[in-house]
């Protein structure tokens, strides 16, 4: 998060705290709307950062690299069955190979 956006959001929070006890609903609504707009800018920024990071892994090379990284882990192949008893309670049974 950039510093300007952070300080803007903090200022909007402080503004809302100052007017929250006022008797003027329009002032409260304006402060709330201003904070909402600032938080939307933050959401847009975070979404853009997330998409930028995901583009590298989403391509064919990224998918191949993700598979290679997973090959190093210990993986257990198991069969899974769900068993229901008379009271409609279910429990899981796992049999590892």
PDB file of N, CA and C in Angstrom:
ATOM      1  N   UNK A   1       0.865  -1.169   0.000  1.00  0.00           N
ATOM      2  CA  UNK A   1       0.000   0.000   0.000  1.00  0.00           C
ATOM      3  C   UNK A   1       0.909   1.228   0.000  1.00  0.00           C
ATOM      4  N   UNK A   2       0.608   2.167  -0.864  1.00  0.00           N
ATOM      5  CA  UNK A   2       1.461   3.356  -0.887  1.00  0.00           C
ATOM      6  C   UNK A   2       1.116   4.281   0.277  1.00  0.00           C
ATOM      7  N   UNK A   3       2.076   5.093   0.665  1.00  0.00           N
ATOM      8  CA  UNK A   3       1.950   5.924   1.860  1.00  0.00           C
ATOM      9  C   UNK A   3       0.838   6.964   1.731  1.00  0.00           C
ATOM     10  N   UNK A   4       0.672   7.521   0.542  1.00  0.00           N
ATOM     11  CA  UNK A   4      -0.360   8.543   0.351  1.00  0.00           C
ATOM     12  C   UNK A   4      -1.752   7.963   0.560  1.00  0.00           C
ATOM     13  N   UNK A   5      -1.978   6.775   0.022  1.00  0.00           N
ATOM     14  CA  UNK A   5      -3.284   6.133   0.185  1.00  0.00           C
ATOM     15  C   UNK A   5      -3.522   5.765   1.646  1.00  0.00           C
ATOM     16  N   UNK A   6      -2.494   5.270   2.298  1.00  0.00           N
ATOM     17  CA  UNK A   6      -2.630   4.906   3.713  1.00  0.00           C
ATOM     18  C   UNK A   6      -2.977   6.127   4.562  1.00  0.00           C
ATOM     19  N   UNK A   7      -2.271   7.230   4.345  1.00  0.00           N
ATOM     20  CA  UNK A   7      -2.554   8.439   5.138  1.00  0.00           C
ATOM     21  C   UNK A   7      -3.939   9.000   4.817  1.00  0.00           C
ATOM     22  N   UNK A   8      -4.374   8.875   3.552  1.00  0.00           N
ATOM     23  CA  UNK A   8      -5.708   9.327   3.176  1.00  0.00           C
ATOM     24  C   UNK A   8      -6.776   8.511   3.899  1.00  0.00           C
ATOM     25  N   UNK A   9      -6.617   7.206   3.942  1.00  0.00           N
ATOM     26  CA  UNK A   9      -7.587   6.346   4.631  1.00  0.00           C
ATOM     27  C   UNK A   9      -7.601   6.644   6.117  1.00  0.00           C
ATOM     28  N   UNK A  10      -6.406   6.809   6.708  1.00  0.00           N
ATOM     29  CA  UNK A  10      -6.345   7.125   8.139  1.00  0.00           C
ATOM     30  C   UNK A  10      -7.025   8.458   8.439  1.00  0.00           C
ATOM     31  N   UNK A  11      -6.848   9.438   7.555  1.00  0.00           N
ATOM     32  CA  UNK A  11      -7.505  10.739   7.748  1.00  0.00           C
ATOM     33  C   UNK A  11      -9.018  10.603   7.657  1.00  0.00           C
ATOM     34  N   UNK A  12      -9.489   9.793   6.709  1.00  0.00           N
ATOM     35  CA  UNK A  12     -10.936   9.588   6.562  1.00  0.00           C
ATOM     36  C   UNK A  12     -11.517   8.876   7.795  1.00  0.00           C
ATOM     37  N   UNK A  13     -10.759   7.945   8.355  1.00  0.00           N
ATOM     38  CA  UNK A  13     -11.211   7.260   9.579  1.00  0.00           C
ATOM     39  C   UNK A  13     -11.334   8.262  10.718  1.00  0.00           C
ATOM     40  N   UNK A  14     -10.320   9.115  10.862  1.00  0.00           N
ATOM     41  CA  UNK A  14     -10.364  10.126  11.924  1.00  0.00           C
ATOM     42  C   UNK A  14     -11.532  11.094  11.716  1.00  0.00           C
ATOM     43  N   UNK A  15     -11.769  11.489  10.473  1.00  0.00           N
ATOM     44  CA  UNK A  15     -12.910  12.375  10.184  1.00  0.00           C
ATOM     45  C   UNK A  15     -14.225  11.721  10.591  1.00  0.00           C
ATOM     46  N   UNK A  16     -14.362  10.441  10.279  1.00  0.00           N
ATOM     47  CA  UNK A  16     -15.593   9.726  10.625  1.00  0.00           C
ATOM     48  C   UNK A  16     -15.742   9.604  12.140  1.00  0.00           C
ATOM     49  N   UNK A  17     -14.633   9.354  12.838  1.00  0.00           N
ATOM     50  CA  UNK A  17     -14.693   9.275  14.307  1.00  0.00           C
ATOM     51  C   UNK A  17     -15.159  10.597  14.905  1.00  0.00           C
ATOM     52  N   UNK A  18     -14.726  11.702  14.306  1.00  0.00           N
ATOM     53  CA  UNK A  18     -15.101  13.026  14.834  1.00  0.00           C
ATOM     54  C   UNK A  18     -16.588  13.305  14.682  1.00  0.00           C
ATOM     55  N   UNK A  19     -17.182  12.825  13.591  1.00  0.00           N
ATOM     56  CA  UNK A  19     -18.588  13.159  13.336  1.00  0.00           C
ATOM     57  C   UNK A  19     -19.560  12.053  13.748  1.00  0.00           C
ATOM     58  N   UNK A  20     -19.073  10.941  14.236  1.00  0.00           N
ATOM     59  CA  UNK A  20     -19.969   9.821  14.536  1.00  0.00           C
ATOM     60  C   UNK A  20     -20.989  10.139  15.622  1.00  0.00           C
ATOM     61  N   UNK A  21     -20.663  11.033  16.516  1.00  0.00           N
ATOM     62  CA  UNK A  21     -21.601  11.370  17.585  1.00  0.00           C
ATOM     63  C   UNK A  21     -22.440  12.605  17.273  1.00  0.00           C
ATOM     64  N   UNK A  22     -22.305  13.129  16.069  1.00  0.00           N
ATOM     65  CA  UNK A  22     -23.068  14.330  15.724  1.00  0.00           C
ATOM     66  C   UNK A  22     -24.533  13.959  15.470  1.00  0.00           C
ATOM     67  N   UNK A  23     -25.361  14.964  15.485  1.00  0.00           N
ATOM     68  CA  UNK A  23     -26.790  14.761  15.244  1.00  0.00           C
ATOM     69  C   UNK A  23     -27.147  14.967  13.783  1.00  0.00           C
ATOM     70  N   UNK A  24     -26.136  15.199  12.944  1.00  0.00           N
ATOM     71  CA  UNK A  24     -26.389  15.475  11.539  1.00  0.00           C
ATOM     72  C   UNK A  24     -26.112  14.227  10.700  1.00  0.00           C
ATOM     73  N   UNK A  25     -27.160  13.522  10.289  1.00  0.00           N
ATOM     74  CA  UNK A  25     -26.951  12.284   9.524  1.00  0.00           C
ATOM     75  C   UNK A  25     -26.265  12.523   8.178  1.00  0.00           C
ATOM     76  N   UNK A  26     -26.464  13.710   7.597  1.00  0.00           N
ATOM     77  CA  UNK A  26     -25.836  14.013   6.305  1.00  0.00           C
ATOM     78  C   UNK A  26     -24.311  14.108   6.453  1.00  0.00           C
ATOM     79  N   UNK A  27     -23.835  14.675   7.547  1.00  0.00           N
ATOM     80  CA  UNK A  27     -22.394  14.776   7.797  1.00  0.00           C
ATOM     81  C   UNK A  27     -21.795  13.387   7.991  1.00  0.00           C
ATOM     82  N   UNK A  28     -22.498  12.552   8.723  1.00  0.00           N
ATOM     83  CA  UNK A  28     -22.031  11.185   8.943  1.00  0.00           C
ATOM     84  C   UNK A  28     -21.998  10.427   7.619  1.00  0.00           C
ATOM     85  N   UNK A  29     -23.036  10.600   6.805  1.00  0.00           N
ATOM     86  CA  UNK A  29     -23.091   9.915   5.507  1.00  0.00           C
ATOM     87  C   UNK A  29     -21.947  10.364   4.606  1.00  0.00           C
ATOM     88  N   UNK A  30     -21.658  11.662   4.590  1.00  0.00           N
ATOM     89  CA  UNK A  30     -20.566  12.174   3.757  1.00  0.00           C
ATOM     90  C   UNK A  30     -19.220  11.596   4.202  1.00  0.00           C
ATOM     91  N   UNK A  31     -18.986  11.542   5.506  1.00  0.00           N
ATOM     92  CA  UNK A  31     -17.730  10.997   6.020  1.00  0.00           C
ATOM     93  C   UNK A  31     -17.628   9.500   5.727  1.00  0.00           C
ATOM     94  N   UNK A  32     -18.750   8.807   5.842  1.00  0.00           N
ATOM     95  CA  UNK A  32     -18.776   7.368   5.537  1.00  0.00           C
ATOM     96  C   UNK A  32     -18.510   7.125   4.059  1.00  0.00           C
ATOM     97  N   UNK A  33     -19.129   7.916   3.210  1.00  0.00           N
ATOM     98  CA  UNK A  33     -18.917   7.780   1.767  1.00  0.00           C
ATOM     99  C   UNK A  33     -17.467   8.076   1.386  1.00  0.00           C
ATOM    100  N   UNK A  34     -16.884   9.089   2.013  1.00  0.00           N
ATOM    101  CA  UNK A  34     -15.489   9.434   1.725  1.00  0.00           C
ATOM    102  C   UNK A  34     -14.554   8.279   2.119  1.00  0.00           C
ATOM    103  N   UNK A  35     -14.824   7.659   3.262  1.00  0.00           N
ATOM    104  CA  UNK A  35     -14.022   6.512   3.691  1.00  0.00           C
ATOM    105  C   UNK A  35     -14.233   5.334   2.753  1.00  0.00           C
ATOM    106  N   UNK A  36     -15.455   5.119   2.317  1.00  0.00           N
ATOM    107  CA  UNK A  36     -15.739   4.014   1.391  1.00  0.00           C
ATOM    108  C   UNK A  36     -14.988   4.203   0.079  1.00  0.00           C
ATOM    109  N   UNK A  37     -14.972   5.430  -0.439  1.00  0.00           N
ATOM    110  CA  UNK A  37     -14.251   5.698  -1.688  1.00  0.00           C
ATOM    111  C   UNK A  37     -12.758   5.449  -1.529  1.00  0.00           C
ATOM    112  N   UNK A  38     -12.201   5.864  -0.389  1.00  0.00           N
ATOM    113  CA  UNK A  38     -10.777   5.642  -0.137  1.00  0.00           C
ATOM    114  C   UNK A  38     -10.477   4.146  -0.015  1.00  0.00           C
ATOM    115  N   UNK A  39     -11.387   3.408   0.611  1.00  0.00           N
ATOM    116  CA  UNK A  39     -11.162   1.967   0.751  1.00  0.00           C
ATOM    117  C   UNK A  39     -11.305   1.253  -0.592  1.00  0.00           C
ATOM    118  N   UNK A  40     -12.147   1.796  -1.473  1.00  0.00           N
ATOM    119  CA  UNK A  40     -12.269   1.222  -2.823  1.00  0.00           C
ATOM    120  C   UNK A  40     -10.962   1.400  -3.606  1.00  0.00           C
ATOM    121  N   UNK A  41     -10.311   2.547  -3.411  1.00  0.00           N
ATOM    122  CA  UNK A  41      -9.018   2.766  -4.062  1.00  0.00           C
ATOM    123  C   UNK A  41      -8.001   1.738  -3.562  1.00  0.00           C
ATOM    124  N   UNK A  42      -8.040   1.454  -2.263  1.00  0.00           N
ATOM    125  CA  UNK A  42      -7.140   0.446  -1.703  1.00  0.00           C
ATOM    126  C   UNK A  42      -7.436  -0.924  -2.299  1.00  0.00           C
ATOM    127  N   UNK A  43      -8.711  -1.258  -2.407  1.00  0.00           N
ATOM    128  CA  UNK A  43      -9.092  -2.550  -2.980  1.00  0.00           C
ATOM    129  C   UNK A  43      -8.623  -2.665  -4.425  1.00  0.00           C
ATOM    130  N   UNK A  44      -8.767  -1.589  -5.183  1.00  0.00           N
ATOM    131  CA  UNK A  44      -8.305  -1.596  -6.575  1.00  0.00           C
ATOM    132  C   UNK A  44      -6.800  -1.820  -6.643  1.00  0.00           C
ATOM    133  N   UNK A  45      -6.078  -1.156  -5.756  1.00  0.00           N
ATOM    134  CA  UNK A  45      -4.623  -1.298  -5.740  1.00  0.00           C
ATOM    135  C   UNK A  45      -4.215  -2.727  -5.385  1.00  0.00           C
ATOM    136  N   UNK A  46      -4.855  -3.298  -4.380  1.00  0.00           N
ATOM    137  CA  UNK A  46      -4.542  -4.665  -3.981  1.00  0.00           C
ATOM    138  C   UNK A  46      -4.916  -5.666  -5.079  1.00  0.00           C
ATOM    139  N   UNK A  47      -6.029  -5.428  -5.738  1.00  0.00           N
ATOM    140  CA  UNK A  47      -6.462  -6.303  -6.830  1.00  0.00           C
ATOM    141  C   UNK A  47      -5.459  -6.250  -7.981  1.00  0.00           C
ATOM    142  N   UNK A  48      -4.985  -5.058  -8.296  1.00  0.00           N
ATOM    143  CA  UNK A  48      -4.003  -4.912  -9.374  1.00  0.00           C
ATOM    144  C   UNK A  48      -2.699  -5.618  -9.015  1.00  0.00           C
ATOM    145  N   UNK A  49      -2.279  -5.509  -7.764  1.00  0.00           N
ATOM    146  CA  UNK A  49      -1.054  -6.193  -7.324  1.00  0.00           C
ATOM    147  C   UNK A  49      -1.232  -7.698  -7.398  1.00  0.00           C
ATOM    148  N   UNK A  50      -2.388  -8.188  -7.012  1.00  0.00           N
ATOM    149  CA  UNK A  50      -2.658  -9.621  -7.035  1.00  0.00           C
ATOM    150  C   UNK A  50      -2.631 -10.133  -8.470  1.00  0.00           C
ATOM    151  N   UNK A  51      -3.241  -9.420  -9.382  1.00  0.00           N
ATOM    152  CA  UNK A  51      -3.266  -9.833 -10.780  1.00  0.00           C
ATOM    153  C   UNK A  51      -1.886  -9.789 -11.405  1.00  0.00           C
ATOM    154  N   UNK A  52      -1.081  -8.824 -11.025  1.00  0.00           N
ATOM    155  CA  UNK A  52       0.273  -8.733 -11.551  1.00  0.00           C
ATOM    156  C   UNK A  52       1.088  -9.941 -11.097  1.00  0.00           C
ATOM    157  N   UNK A  53       0.956 -10.341  -9.864  1.00  0.00           N
ATOM    158  CA  UNK A  53       1.682 -11.505  -9.350  1.00  0.00           C
ATOM    159  C   UNK A  53       1.170 -12.805  -9.917  1.00  0.00           C
ATOM    160  N   UNK A  54      -0.115 -12.880 -10.224  1.00  0.00           N
ATOM    161  CA  UNK A  54      -0.711 -14.126 -10.715  1.00  0.00           C
ATOM    162  C   UNK A  54      -0.414 -14.354 -12.190  1.00  0.00           C
ATOM    163  N   UNK A  55      -0.131 -13.291 -12.948  1.00  0.00           N
ATOM    164  CA  UNK A  55       0.114 -13.454 -14.375  1.00  0.00           C
ATOM    165  C   UNK A  55       1.333 -14.306 -14.647  1.00  0.00           C
ATOM    166  N   UNK A  56       2.368 -14.188 -13.823  1.00  0.00           N
ATOM    167  CA  UNK A  56       3.574 -14.986 -14.029  1.00  0.00           C
ATOM    168  C   UNK A  56       3.321 -16.456 -13.808  1.00  0.00           C
ATOM    169  N   UNK A  57       2.492 -16.807 -12.859  1.00  0.00           N
ATOM    170  CA  UNK A  57       2.228 -18.208 -12.549  1.00  0.00           C
ATOM    171  C   UNK A  57       1.106 -18.790 -13.396  1.00  0.00           C
ATOM    172  N   UNK A  58       0.309 -17.943 -14.027  1.00  0.00           N
ATOM    173  CA  UNK A  58      -0.843 -18.439 -14.763  1.00  0.00           C
ATOM    174  C   UNK A  58      -0.489 -18.963 -16.149  1.00  0.00           C
ATOM    175  N   UNK A  59       0.645 -18.563 -16.688  1.00  0.00           N
ATOM    176  CA  UNK A  59       1.037 -19.000 -18.023  1.00  0.00           C
ATOM    177  C   UNK A  59       1.446 -20.458 -18.038  1.00  0.00           C
ATOM    178  N   UNK A  60       1.721 -21.017 -19.224  1.00  0.00           N
ATOM    179  CA  UNK A  60       2.106 -22.422 -19.332  1.00  0.00           C
ATOM    180  C   UNK A  60       3.380 -22.736 -18.552  1.00  0.00           C
ATOM    181  N   UNK A  61       4.327 -21.811 -18.551  1.00  0.00           N
ATOM    182  CA  UNK A  61       5.562 -22.053 -17.806  1.00  0.00           C
ATOM    183  C   UNK A  61       5.292 -22.046 -16.309  1.00  0.00           C
ATOM    184  N   UNK A  62       4.406 -21.157 -15.869  1.00  0.00           N
ATOM    185  CA  UNK A  62       4.065 -21.102 -14.450  1.00  0.00           C
ATOM    186  C   UNK A  62       3.385 -22.374 -13.992  1.00  0.00           C
ATOM    187  N   UNK A  63       2.520 -22.936 -14.819  1.00  0.00           N
ATOM    188  CA  UNK A  63       1.827 -24.181 -14.473  1.00  0.00           C
ATOM    189  C   UNK A  63       2.821 -25.335 -14.393  1.00  0.00           C
ATOM    190  N   UNK A  64       3.788 -25.366 -15.304  1.00  0.00           N
ATOM    191  CA  UNK A  64       4.795 -26.428 -15.279  1.00  0.00           C
ATOM    192  C   UNK A  64       5.663 -26.304 -14.041  1.00  0.00           C
ATOM    193  N   UNK A  65       6.006 -25.082 -13.676  1.00  0.00           N
ATOM    194  CA  UNK A  65       6.824 -24.883 -12.487  1.00  0.00           C
ATOM    195  C   UNK A  65       6.056 -25.249 -11.227  1.00  0.00           C
ATOM    196  N   UNK A  66       4.762 -24.997 -11.197  1.00  0.00           N
ATOM    197  CA  UNK A  66       3.952 -25.347 -10.032  1.00  0.00           C
ATOM    198  C   UNK A  66       3.915 -26.865  -9.867  1.00  0.00           C
ATOM    199  N   UNK A  67       3.826 -27.601 -10.962  1.00  0.00           N
ATOM    200  CA  UNK A  67       3.827 -29.068 -10.890  1.00  0.00           C
ATOM    201  C   UNK A  67       5.157 -29.598 -10.421  1.00  0.00           C
ATOM    202  N   UNK A  68       6.249 -28.978 -10.826  1.00  0.00           N
ATOM    203  CA  UNK A  68       7.576 -29.419 -10.413  1.00  0.00           C
ATOM    204  C   UNK A  68       7.779 -29.177  -8.921  1.00  0.00           C
ATOM    205  N   UNK A  69       7.266 -28.077  -8.426  1.00  0.00           N
ATOM    206  CA  UNK A  69       7.416 -27.782  -7.007  1.00  0.00           C
ATOM    207  C   UNK A  69       6.624 -28.781  -6.173  1.00  0.00           C
ATOM    208  N   UNK A  70       5.469 -29.201  -6.644  1.00  0.00           N
ATOM    209  CA  UNK A  70       4.644 -30.147  -5.905  1.00  0.00           C
ATOM    210  C   UNK A  70       5.222 -31.546  -5.916  1.00  0.00           C
ATOM    211  N   UNK A  71       6.090 -31.869  -6.864  1.00  0.00           N
ATOM    212  CA  UNK A  71       6.655 -33.214  -6.955  1.00  0.00           C
ATOM    213  C   UNK A  71       7.606 -33.507  -5.812  1.00  0.00           C
ATOM    214  N   UNK A  72       8.135 -32.475  -5.155  1.00  0.00           N
ATOM    215  CA  UNK A  72       9.084 -32.675  -4.069  1.00  0.00           C
ATOM    216  C   UNK A  72       8.395 -33.067  -2.762  1.00  0.00           C
ATOM    217  N   UNK A  73       7.106 -32.867  -2.665  1.00  0.00           N
ATOM    218  CA  UNK A  73       6.391 -33.156  -1.429  1.00  0.00           C
ATOM    219  C   UNK A  73       6.083 -34.645  -1.312  1.00  0.00           C
ATOM    220  N   UNK A  74       5.952 -35.119  -0.068  1.00  0.00           N
ATOM    221  CA  UNK A  74       5.532 -36.503   0.159  1.00  0.00           C
ATOM    222  C   UNK A  74       4.026 -36.569   0.018  1.00  0.00           C
ATOM    223  N   UNK A  75       3.554 -37.344  -0.947  1.00  0.00           N
ATOM    224  CA  UNK A  75       2.131 -37.457  -1.215  1.00  0.00           C
ATOM    225  C   UNK A  75       1.706 -38.885  -0.928  1.00  0.00           C
ATOM    226  N   UNK A  76       0.612 -39.016  -0.207  1.00  0.00           N
ATOM    227  CA  UNK A  76       0.080 -40.334   0.113  1.00  0.00           C
ATOM    228  C   UNK A  76      -1.192 -40.540  -0.693  1.00  0.00           C
ATOM    229  N   UNK A  77      -1.236 -41.630  -1.443  1.00  0.00           N
ATOM    230  CA  UNK A  77      -2.421 -41.971  -2.202  1.00  0.00           C
ATOM    231  C   UNK A  77      -3.358 -42.736  -1.278  1.00  0.00           C
ATOM    232  N   UNK A  78      -4.608 -42.281  -1.184  1.00  0.00           N
ATOM    233  CA  UNK A  78      -5.538 -42.920  -0.260  1.00  0.00           C
ATOM    234  C   UNK A  78      -6.920 -42.982  -0.882  1.00  0.00           C
ATOM    235  N   UNK A  79      -7.696 -43.984  -0.477  1.00  0.00           N
ATOM    236  CA  UNK A  79      -9.094 -44.090  -0.870  1.00  0.00           C
ATOM    237  C   UNK A  79      -9.925 -43.500   0.251  1.00  0.00           C
ATOM    238  N   UNK A  80     -10.969 -42.782  -0.112  1.00  0.00           N
ATOM    239  CA  UNK A  80     -11.825 -42.119   0.862  1.00  0.00           C
ATOM    240  C   UNK A  80     -13.250 -42.565   0.644  1.00  0.00           C
ATOM    241  N   UNK A  81     -13.903 -42.994   1.704  1.00  0.00           N
ATOM    242  CA  UNK A  81     -15.313 -43.347   1.613  1.00  0.00           C
ATOM    243  C   UNK A  81     -16.057 -42.699   2.771  1.00  0.00           C
ATOM    244  N   UNK A  82     -17.294 -42.311   2.516  1.00  0.00           N
ATOM    245  CA  UNK A  82     -18.131 -41.724   3.551  1.00  0.00           C
ATOM    246  C   UNK A  82     -19.144 -42.781   3.966  1.00  0.00           C
ATOM    247  N   UNK A  83     -19.204 -43.032   5.272  1.00  0.00           N
ATOM    248  CA  UNK A  83     -20.094 -44.054   5.788  1.00  0.00           C
ATOM    249  C   UNK A  83     -21.160 -43.365   6.627  1.00  0.00           C
ATOM    250  N   UNK A  84     -22.448 -43.634   6.324  1.00  0.00           N
ATOM    251  CA  UNK A  84     -23.542 -43.040   7.089  1.00  0.00           C
ATOM    252  C   UNK A  84     -24.156 -44.107   7.984  1.00  0.00           C
ATOM    253  N   UNK A  85     -24.432 -43.727   9.221  1.00  0.00           N
ATOM    254  CA  UNK A  85     -25.082 -44.673  10.126  1.00  0.00           C
ATOM    255  C   UNK A  85     -26.583 -44.399  10.163  1.00  0.00           C
ATOM    256  N   UNK A  86     -27.301 -45.087  11.042  1.00  0.00           N
ATOM    257  CA  UNK A  86     -28.758 -44.977  11.072  1.00  0.00           C
ATOM    258  C   UNK A  86     -29.262 -43.587  11.457  1.00  0.00           C
ATOM    259  N   UNK A  87     -28.494 -42.820  12.175  1.00  0.00           N
ATOM    260  CA  UNK A  87     -28.945 -41.511  12.648  1.00  0.00           C
ATOM    261  C   UNK A  87     -28.564 -40.395  11.669  1.00  0.00           C
ATOM    262  N   UNK A  88     -28.199 -40.750  10.458  1.00  0.00           N
ATOM    263  CA  UNK A  88     -27.784 -39.793   9.430  1.00  0.00           C
ATOM    264  C   UNK A  88     -26.537 -39.021   9.813  1.00  0.00           C
ATOM    265  N   UNK A  89     -25.796 -39.535  10.746  1.00  0.00           N
ATOM    266  CA  UNK A  89     -24.495 -38.958  11.040  1.00  0.00           C
ATOM    267  C   UNK A  89     -23.510 -39.586  10.083  1.00  0.00           C
ATOM    268  N   UNK A  90     -22.573 -38.820   9.656  1.00  0.00           N
ATOM    269  CA  UNK A  90     -21.600 -39.385   8.742  1.00  0.00           C
ATOM    270  C   UNK A  90     -20.229 -39.349   9.373  1.00  0.00           C
ATOM    271  N   UNK A  91     -19.420 -40.274   8.977  1.00  0.00           N
ATOM    272  CA  UNK A  91     -18.031 -40.296   9.427  1.00  0.00           C
ATOM    273  C   UNK A  91     -17.179 -40.691   8.246  1.00  0.00           C
ATOM    274  N   UNK A  92     -15.973 -40.300   8.262  1.00  0.00           N
ATOM    275  CA  UNK A  92     -15.093 -40.567   7.132  1.00  0.00           C
ATOM    276  C   UNK A  92     -14.174 -41.741   7.442  1.00  0.00           C
ATOM    277  N   UNK A  93     -13.876 -42.468   6.415  1.00  0.00           N
ATOM    278  CA  UNK A  93     -12.941 -43.581   6.525  1.00  0.00           C
ATOM    279  C   UNK A  93     -11.898 -43.385   5.462  1.00  0.00           C
ATOM    280  N   UNK A  94     -10.649 -43.466   5.842  1.00  0.00           N
ATOM    281  CA  UNK A  94      -9.557 -43.251   4.900  1.00  0.00           C
ATOM    282  C   UNK A  94      -8.619 -44.449   4.973  1.00  0.00           C
ATOM    283  N   UNK A  95      -8.324 -45.028   3.819  1.00  0.00           N
ATOM    284  CA  UNK A  95      -7.416 -46.155   3.757  1.00  0.00           C
ATOM    285  C   UNK A  95      -6.242 -45.741   2.893  1.00  0.00           C
ATOM    286  N   UNK A  96      -5.075 -45.654   3.491  1.00  0.00           N
ATOM    287  CA  UNK A  96      -3.878 -45.240   2.755  1.00  0.00           C
ATOM    288  C   UNK A  96      -3.253 -46.450   2.061  1.00  0.00           C
ATOM    289  N   UNK A  97      -2.768 -46.212   0.840  1.00  0.00           N
ATOM    290  CA  UNK A  97      -2.073 -47.269   0.105  1.00  0.00           C
ATOM    291  C   UNK A  97      -0.607 -47.296   0.471  1.00  0.00           C
TER     292      UNK A  97
END
